[in-house]
Amino acid sequence: MIAVTLKQLWYFDALAKQRNFGRAAKACSISQPALSLQIKELEALFGAPLVERLPRDIRLTPLGEDLLEKARQILFSVDELEDLVRASKDPLAGRLRLGIIPTVAPYFLPTIIAALKSKFPKLDLLLREAMTATLIEEIQEGGIDLAVVALPISEPALTEYALFEEEFVLVRMPMDADKPVPSPETLRTMRLLLLGEGHCFRDQALSFCQFGENKPSELMEGSSLSTLVQMVGAGMGVTLIPEMAVELETRSADVSVARFPRARPSRKIGLVWRRTNPLSDQLMQVGAVIRASRDGEV
């Protein structure tokens, strides 16, 4: 009888994610030799290699790929079982794994942390910043419990809980402060600075400017909203940022901020989690606390 432990499956899953023994060991908070020993014991149980050891990373063997699929199903079920136990006892205590997108994290995360710690002092909040596609995948695989993202996600397996809606503002050079705010049509003719591929905020800004599927020729990209604002200050173009980012990002940049007079671009921020999560009722409470904190009620 094969006696595979949950710990071995957990280590194997981490190795598959990190593709490197050193990074996987760090993620699991154990030494690299200890992780390597666990993987070797797992391979001995199956009587065949699970990973191909390369100079700088690893690659799963066909058997390893098959095991990974089953291992993640098992680990996912164990996580849901743990959540079910929590839901029957003290549901808003212990670990809560929260993901958040980069265009929200620096500006709203301190408020979220303060509100949740105040309302649920026994909650152990674990945070994960990543782009939307990564967070949705991790929710579906059980890697995180819920995430703060831009809605809608329109995924039937997920529950969406709206938190608030905010407008986008135009950031441009100070010398342009008294000029009329350009229309979406005019913006299409200007040098527009946007986030790179994969950021939902980029797609929302492009949609407002009505570019459709044609990528603008004068588009320049930055890795963060902070970088975009600094690029504007350096005279490289104009950009759009969400309202929540204005105070922090314009503090150290010589720029001007303008609101659009009509057809104002905006986004809806909310929470998403698996519909099957046993803690759904409790996550609704978490959402209510976060929404109240945004409205200044916490």
Protein backbone atom coordinates (compact mmCIF):
# COMPACT_ATOMS: atom_id res chain seq x y z
CA MET A 1 0.00 0.00 0.00
CA ILE A 2 1.37 3.43 -0.98
CA ALA A 3 1.57 5.67 2.10
CA VAL A 4 1.73 9.17 0.65
CA THR A 5 1.40 11.95 3.23
CA LEU A 6 -0.35 15.29 2.79
CA LYS A 7 2.92 17.00 3.66
CA GLN A 8 4.64 15.29 0.73
CA LEU A 9 1.84 16.33 -1.62
CA TRP A 10 2.08 19.89 -0.33
CA TYR A 11 5.86 19.96 -0.92
CA PHE A 12 5.43 18.45 -4.37
CA ASP A 13 2.81 21.05 -5.29
CA ALA A 14 5.14 23.84 -4.13
CA LEU A 15 7.98 22.40 -6.22
CA ALA A 16 5.72 22.22 -9.27
CA LYS A 17 4.72 25.86 -8.78
CA GLN A 18 8.22 27.21 -8.13
CA ARG A 19 10.05 24.94 -10.60
CA ASN A 20 13.10 25.18 -8.36
CA PHE A 21 14.08 23.31 -5.17
CA GLY A 22 15.48 26.40 -3.46
CA ARG A 23 12.43 28.59 -4.10
CA ALA A 24 10.06 25.76 -3.18
CA ALA A 25 11.89 25.15 0.09
CA LYS A 26 11.66 28.84 0.93
CA ALA A 27 7.93 28.86 0.13
CA CYS A 28 7.44 25.88 2.45
CA SER A 29 9.67 27.35 5.19
CA ILE A 30 11.96 24.31 5.29
CA SER A 31 15.54 23.66 4.21
CA GLN A 32 16.32 22.65 0.65
CA PRO A 33 17.84 19.28 1.71
CA ALA A 34 14.68 18.49 3.70
CA LEU A 35 12.47 19.26 0.71
CA SER A 36 14.70 17.22 -1.60
CA LEU A 37 14.48 14.25 0.79
CA GLN A 38 10.67 14.40 0.84
CA ILE A 39 10.53 14.42 -2.98
CA LYS A 40 12.96 11.50 -3.17
CA GLU A 41 10.82 9.52 -0.70
CA LEU A 42 7.77 10.30 -2.82
CA GLU A 43 9.57 9.07 -5.94
CA ALA A 44 10.61 5.91 -4.09
CA LEU A 45 6.98 5.20 -3.23
CA PHE A 46 6.01 5.43 -6.91
CA GLY A 47 9.13 3.64 -8.09
CA ALA A 48 9.83 6.23 -10.79
CA PRO A 49 11.09 9.83 -11.17
CA LEU A 50 8.51 12.57 -10.70
CA VAL A 51 10.76 15.46 -11.74
CA GLU A 52 13.57 15.97 -14.20
CA ARG A 53 16.36 17.81 -12.41
CA LEU A 54 17.87 20.50 -14.65
CA PRO A 55 20.80 22.85 -13.85
CA ARG A 56 18.61 25.75 -12.69
CA ASP A 57 15.09 24.39 -12.46
CA ILE A 58 13.00 21.25 -12.72
CA ARG A 59 10.53 19.81 -15.16
CA LEU A 60 7.78 17.35 -14.24
CA THR A 61 7.87 13.92 -15.81
CA PRO A 62 4.62 12.55 -17.31
CA LEU A 63 4.07 10.64 -14.06
CA GLY A 64 4.75 13.86 -12.15
CA GLU A 65 2.14 15.71 -14.21
CA ASP A 66 -0.43 13.01 -13.42
CA LEU A 67 0.43 13.09 -9.73
CA LEU A 68 0.23 16.89 -9.63
CA GLU A 69 -3.33 16.86 -10.96
CA LYS A 70 -4.43 14.35 -8.32
CA ALA A 71 -2.41 16.03 -5.57
CA ARG A 72 -4.07 19.39 -6.17
CA GLN A 73 -7.51 17.81 -6.09
CA ILE A 74 -6.67 16.25 -2.72
CA LEU A 75 -5.16 19.44 -1.27
CA PHE A 76 -8.14 21.44 -2.50
CA SER A 77 -10.54 19.02 -0.76
CA VAL A 78 -8.52 19.20 2.46
CA ASP A 79 -8.67 23.01 2.38
CA GLU A 80 -12.46 22.92 1.94
CA LEU A 81 -12.72 20.42 4.80
CA GLU A 82 -10.74 22.76 7.04
CA ASP A 83 -13.01 25.64 6.04
CA LEU A 84 -16.06 23.53 6.85
CA VAL A 85 -14.70 22.86 10.34
CA ARG A 86 -13.99 26.57 10.81
CA ALA A 87 -17.49 27.49 9.64
CA SER A 88 -18.97 25.26 12.33
CA LYS A 89 -16.85 26.75 15.12
CA ASP A 90 -15.29 30.22 15.09
CA PRO A 91 -15.43 31.05 11.38
CA LEU A 92 -13.82 34.47 11.46
CA ALA A 93 -10.71 33.36 13.28
CA GLY A 94 -7.54 31.81 11.96
CA ARG A 95 -6.17 32.00 8.42
CA LEU A 96 -7.80 34.08 5.69
CA ARG A 97 -5.90 34.21 2.40
CA LEU A 98 -6.73 37.44 0.56
CA GLY A 99 -5.54 38.33 -2.93
CA ILE A 100 -5.53 41.87 -4.28
CA ILE A 101 -4.68 43.45 -7.64
CA PRO A 102 -1.68 45.83 -7.88
CA THR A 103 -3.76 48.87 -8.87
CA VAL A 104 -5.67 48.64 -5.59
CA ALA A 105 -3.18 47.19 -3.10
CA PRO A 106 -1.00 50.25 -2.29
CA TYR A 107 -3.98 52.55 -1.82
CA PHE A 108 -6.73 50.51 -0.19
CA LEU A 109 -4.91 47.64 1.52
CA PRO A 110 -4.01 49.60 4.70
CA THR A 111 -7.70 50.42 5.16
CA ILE A 112 -8.69 46.77 4.61
CA ILE A 113 -6.13 45.49 7.12
CA ALA A 114 -7.10 48.01 9.79
CA ALA A 115 -10.84 47.33 9.37
CA LEU A 116 -10.53 43.53 9.48
CA LYS A 117 -8.12 43.50 12.42
CA SER A 118 -10.47 45.79 14.34
CA LYS A 119 -13.61 43.78 13.57
CA PHE A 120 -12.09 40.29 13.62
CA PRO A 121 -9.05 40.38 15.95
CA LYS A 122 -8.56 36.59 15.76
CA LEU A 123 -8.23 36.65 11.99
CA ASP A 124 -4.79 35.78 10.58
CA LEU A 125 -4.73 37.71 7.29
CA LEU A 126 -2.37 36.34 4.62
CA LEU A 127 -1.95 38.63 1.61
CA ARG A 128 -1.15 37.93 -2.02
CA GLU A 129 -0.69 40.68 -4.63
CA ALA A 130 -1.05 39.57 -8.24
CA MET A 131 -2.88 40.37 -11.44
CA THR A 132 -6.49 39.34 -11.91
CA ALA A 133 -5.96 36.22 -14.01
CA THR A 134 -3.51 34.80 -11.47
CA LEU A 135 -5.80 35.53 -8.52
CA ILE A 136 -8.82 33.93 -10.20
CA GLU A 137 -6.80 30.82 -10.97
CA GLU A 138 -5.59 30.61 -7.38
CA ILE A 139 -9.13 31.00 -6.02
CA GLN A 140 -10.34 28.17 -8.24
CA GLU A 141 -7.43 25.96 -7.20
CA GLY A 142 -7.85 26.75 -3.50
CA GLY A 143 -4.61 28.71 -3.19
CA ILE A 144 -6.42 31.77 -1.77
CA ASP A 145 -9.86 32.26 -0.23
CA LEU A 146 -11.00 35.49 -1.87
CA ALA A 147 -9.64 38.42 -3.85
CA VAL A 148 -10.15 42.14 -4.37
CA VAL A 149 -10.45 42.68 -8.14
CA ALA A 150 -12.20 44.82 -10.72
CA LEU A 151 -15.70 43.53 -11.51
CA PRO A 152 -17.31 41.92 -13.34
CA ILE A 153 -15.39 38.66 -13.61
CA SER A 154 -18.40 36.81 -15.06
CA GLU A 155 -17.27 33.39 -13.92
CA PRO A 156 -20.25 31.17 -12.93
CA ALA A 157 -18.21 29.30 -10.31
CA LEU A 158 -17.44 32.53 -8.41
CA THR A 159 -19.50 34.80 -6.18
CA GLU A 160 -19.04 38.54 -6.81
CA TYR A 161 -19.53 41.10 -4.05
CA ALA A 162 -19.37 44.78 -5.06
CA LEU A 163 -17.45 47.11 -2.72
CA PHE A 164 -17.40 50.50 -4.45
CA GLU A 165 -17.08 52.29 -7.77
CA GLU A 166 -14.45 54.92 -8.54
CA GLU A 167 -13.63 57.22 -11.42
CA PHE A 168 -10.42 57.52 -13.43
CA VAL A 169 -8.66 60.87 -13.68
CA LEU A 170 -6.31 62.32 -16.29
CA VAL A 171 -2.71 63.02 -15.28
CA ARG A 172 -0.77 65.48 -17.46
CA MET A 173 1.94 68.13 -17.29
CA PRO A 174 1.32 71.20 -15.05
CA MET A 175 1.51 73.51 -18.06
CA ASP A 176 -1.59 71.79 -19.43
CA ALA A 177 -3.65 72.30 -16.28
CA ASP A 178 -5.80 75.09 -17.77
CA LYS A 179 -6.39 73.37 -21.11
CA PRO A 180 -9.71 71.65 -21.84
CA VAL A 181 -9.80 68.00 -20.79
CA PRO A 182 -9.38 65.93 -23.95
CA SER A 183 -12.22 63.74 -25.17
CA PRO A 184 -11.68 60.01 -25.69
CA GLU A 185 -11.27 60.74 -29.39
CA THR A 186 -8.54 63.31 -28.69
CA LEU A 187 -6.79 60.98 -26.26
CA ARG A 188 -6.38 58.51 -29.08
CA THR A 189 -4.14 61.02 -30.86
CA MET A 190 -1.94 61.72 -27.81
CA ARG A 191 0.98 59.77 -26.39
CA LEU A 192 -0.80 57.61 -23.86
CA LEU A 193 1.05 55.93 -21.00
CA LEU A 194 -0.55 52.72 -19.73
CA LEU A 195 0.24 49.63 -17.69
CA GLY A 196 1.58 46.55 -19.45
CA GLU A 197 -0.39 43.60 -20.79
CA GLY A 198 -2.32 41.62 -18.19
CA HIS A 199 -3.46 44.55 -16.04
CA CYS A 200 -7.24 44.93 -16.13
CA PHE A 201 -6.83 48.67 -15.55
CA ARG A 202 -5.01 48.90 -18.88
CA ASP A 203 -7.95 47.27 -20.66
CA GLN A 204 -10.42 49.61 -18.95
CA ALA A 205 -8.42 52.68 -20.01
CA LEU A 206 -8.14 51.45 -23.60
CA SER A 207 -11.87 50.79 -23.63
CA PHE A 208 -12.63 54.35 -22.49
CA CYS A 209 -10.43 55.73 -25.26
CA GLN A 210 -12.33 53.49 -27.68
CA PHE A 211 -9.27 51.92 -29.27
CA GLY A 212 -11.09 48.66 -29.86
CA GLU A 213 -8.71 45.87 -30.87
CA ASN A 214 -6.23 48.22 -32.56
CA LYS A 215 -3.25 49.00 -30.35
CA PRO A 216 -2.41 52.73 -30.41
CA SER A 217 0.88 53.62 -32.13
CA GLU A 218 1.77 56.25 -29.52
CA LEU A 219 1.23 53.93 -26.56
CA MET A 220 4.00 53.66 -23.95
CA GLU A 221 3.93 51.18 -21.09
CA GLY A 222 4.95 51.25 -17.43
CA SER A 223 5.10 48.56 -14.77
CA SER A 224 3.09 50.44 -12.13
CA LEU A 225 0.88 53.47 -11.66
CA SER A 226 3.76 55.16 -9.84
CA THR A 227 6.00 54.69 -12.88
CA LEU A 228 3.31 56.08 -15.19
CA VAL A 229 2.88 59.24 -13.13
CA GLN A 230 6.64 59.79 -12.97
CA MET A 231 6.80 59.35 -16.76
CA VAL A 232 4.13 62.03 -17.15
CA GLY A 233 6.16 64.32 -14.89
CA ALA A 234 9.13 63.76 -17.17
CA GLY A 235 7.11 65.00 -20.13
CA MET A 236 6.66 61.65 -21.82
CA GLY A 237 2.88 61.78 -22.27
CA VAL A 238 -0.41 61.57 -20.38
CA THR A 239 -2.02 58.78 -18.40
CA LEU A 240 -5.16 57.71 -16.57
CA ILE A 241 -5.09 56.54 -12.95
CA PRO A 242 -7.85 55.53 -10.54
CA GLU A 243 -9.04 58.17 -8.12
CA MET A 244 -7.75 56.26 -5.08
CA ALA A 245 -4.17 56.55 -6.39
CA VAL A 246 -4.12 60.33 -6.83
CA GLU A 247 -3.00 61.42 -3.36
CA LEU A 248 -0.13 58.96 -3.07
CA GLU A 249 1.16 58.98 -6.64
CA THR A 250 1.09 62.72 -7.30
CA ARG A 251 2.82 63.58 -4.04
CA SER A 252 6.32 63.39 -5.53
CA ALA A 253 5.58 64.14 -9.19
CA ASP A 254 5.25 67.51 -10.91
CA VAL A 255 1.94 66.83 -12.67
CA SER A 256 -1.62 68.14 -12.83
CA VAL A 257 -4.80 66.13 -12.37
CA ALA A 258 -8.06 66.71 -14.22
CA ARG A 259 -11.48 65.07 -14.12
CA PHE A 260 -13.39 64.26 -17.26
CA PRO A 261 -16.46 66.49 -17.66
CA ARG A 262 -18.76 63.81 -19.09
CA ALA A 263 -18.81 60.10 -19.85
CA ARG A 264 -16.40 59.71 -16.96
CA PRO A 265 -14.43 56.45 -17.03
CA SER A 266 -14.76 54.33 -13.92
CA ARG A 267 -14.34 50.85 -12.53
CA LYS A 268 -16.17 48.74 -9.98
CA ILE A 269 -14.05 47.11 -7.27
CA GLY A 270 -15.28 44.06 -5.42
CA LEU A 271 -14.56 40.68 -3.87
CA VAL A 272 -14.76 37.27 -5.51
CA TRP A 273 -14.68 33.78 -4.01
CA ARG A 274 -15.76 30.25 -4.90
CA ARG A 275 -19.51 29.68 -4.67
CA THR A 276 -18.81 26.30 -3.04
CA ASN A 277 -16.67 27.78 -0.26
CA PRO A 278 -18.17 26.68 3.09
CA LEU A 279 -17.27 30.09 4.50
CA SER A 280 -19.39 32.01 1.96
CA ASP A 281 -21.64 33.56 4.63
CA GLN A 282 -18.60 34.66 6.61
CA LEU A 283 -16.89 36.05 3.52
CA MET A 284 -20.03 38.11 2.94
CA GLN A 285 -19.45 39.59 6.42
CA VAL A 286 -15.84 40.32 5.50
CA GLY A 287 -17.10 42.11 2.40
CA ALA A 288 -19.54 44.17 4.43
CA VAL A 289 -16.75 45.30 6.77
CA ILE A 290 -14.47 46.25 3.87
CA ARG A 291 -17.30 48.15 2.15
CA ALA A 292 -18.09 50.02 5.38
CA SER A 293 -14.41 50.93 5.81
CA ARG A 294 -14.45 52.52 2.36
CA ASP A 295 -17.51 54.53 3.34
CA GLY A 296 -15.83 55.64 6.58
CA GLU A 297 -18.17 53.68 8.80
CA VAL A 298 -15.45 51.57 10.47
